[in-house]
C-alpha cells in the first residue's frame, strides 16, 4: 500500500482510540449500545479521509512540477 494509504489507516486507528478513550474518561459509554460505536467510527473515518486527501500525491506530480519549472526558465 502506498504511503498515503498507510497514513490514513494509522490516522483512523488513532482517532478511534482517542474518541473511545475520551468517552471512557467521561463515563459516557456503554459498549452494548450502537451509539457508542457510531461517533468514534464516523469521526475516525472522516479523519482518515482527510489524512488520505492531504497526503495523496499523484504519480507524476513532482516530475510535472520540474518540467514546468524548466519551461519557465527557458521562456
Protein backbone atom coordinates (compact mmCIF):
# COMPACT_ATOMS: atom_id res chain seq x y z
CA UNK A 1 0.00 0.00 0.00
CA UNK A 2 1.15 3.50 -0.70
CA UNK A 3 2.42 5.84 1.98
CA UNK A 4 -0.76 7.94 1.95
CA UNK A 5 -2.89 4.84 2.49
CA UNK A 6 -0.84 3.67 5.46
CA UNK A 7 -1.04 7.13 6.99
CA UNK A 8 -4.82 7.14 6.57
CA UNK A 9 -5.14 3.74 8.26
CA UNK A 10 -2.91 4.86 11.13
CA UNK A 11 -4.93 8.07 11.49
CA UNK A 12 -8.16 6.06 11.59
CA UNK A 13 -6.94 3.91 14.49
CA UNK A 14 -5.50 6.87 16.37
CA UNK A 15 -8.73 8.87 16.04
CA UNK A 16 -10.84 5.86 17.03
CA UNK A 17 -8.74 5.22 20.12
CA UNK A 18 -8.80 8.91 21.05
CA UNK A 19 -12.58 9.21 20.83
CA UNK A 20 -13.18 5.93 22.68
CA UNK A 21 -10.76 6.87 25.47
CA UNK A 22 -12.41 10.26 25.80
CA UNK A 23 -15.83 8.63 26.09
CA UNK A 24 -14.49 6.23 28.71
CA UNK A 25 -12.89 9.03 30.70
CA UNK A 26 -16.14 10.99 30.83
CA UNK A 27 -18.14 7.91 31.78
CA UNK A 28 -20.39 8.41 28.75
CA UNK A 29 -20.16 4.98 27.20
CA UNK A 30 -21.96 1.66 27.12
CA UNK A 31 -20.33 -0.88 24.82
CA UNK A 32 -23.63 -2.67 24.18
CA UNK A 33 -25.25 0.38 22.56
CA UNK A 34 -24.66 1.12 18.88
CA UNK A 35 -24.50 4.87 19.53
CA UNK A 36 -21.31 4.31 21.48
CA UNK A 37 -19.60 2.93 18.36
CA UNK A 38 -21.09 5.23 15.70
CA UNK A 39 -19.48 8.51 16.84
CA UNK A 40 -15.94 7.07 17.04
CA UNK A 41 -16.30 5.24 13.73
CA UNK A 42 -17.66 8.27 11.88
CA UNK A 43 -15.14 10.70 13.31
CA UNK A 44 -12.31 8.25 12.63
CA UNK A 45 -13.45 7.72 9.05
CA UNK A 46 -13.60 11.48 8.47
CA UNK A 47 -10.13 11.94 9.96
CA UNK A 48 -8.73 9.11 7.83
CA UNK A 49 -10.32 10.53 4.69
CA UNK A 50 -8.85 13.96 5.38
CA UNK A 51 -5.46 12.37 6.01
CA UNK A 52 -5.63 10.45 2.73
CA UNK A 53 -6.60 13.56 0.77
CA UNK A 54 -3.88 15.69 2.32
CA UNK A 55 -1.15 13.07 1.85
CA UNK A 56 -2.10 11.87 -1.63
CA UNK A 57 0.40 12.86 -4.30
CA UNK A 58 -0.31 11.92 -7.92
CA UNK A 59 2.32 9.77 -9.64
CA UNK A 60 3.67 12.49 -11.92
CA UNK A 61 3.16 15.50 -9.64
CA UNK A 62 6.85 16.02 -8.87
CA UNK A 63 8.03 15.37 -12.41
CA UNK A 64 5.37 17.72 -13.82
CA UNK A 65 6.46 20.42 -11.38
CA UNK A 66 10.07 20.10 -12.50
CA UNK A 67 9.08 20.21 -16.18
CA UNK A 68 7.01 23.37 -15.56
CA UNK A 69 9.94 24.99 -13.75
CA UNK A 70 12.27 24.22 -16.66
CA UNK A 71 9.81 25.68 -19.17
CA UNK A 72 9.51 28.89 -17.17
CA UNK A 73 13.28 29.24 -17.09
CA UNK A 74 13.58 28.80 -20.85
CA UNK A 75 10.71 31.15 -21.74
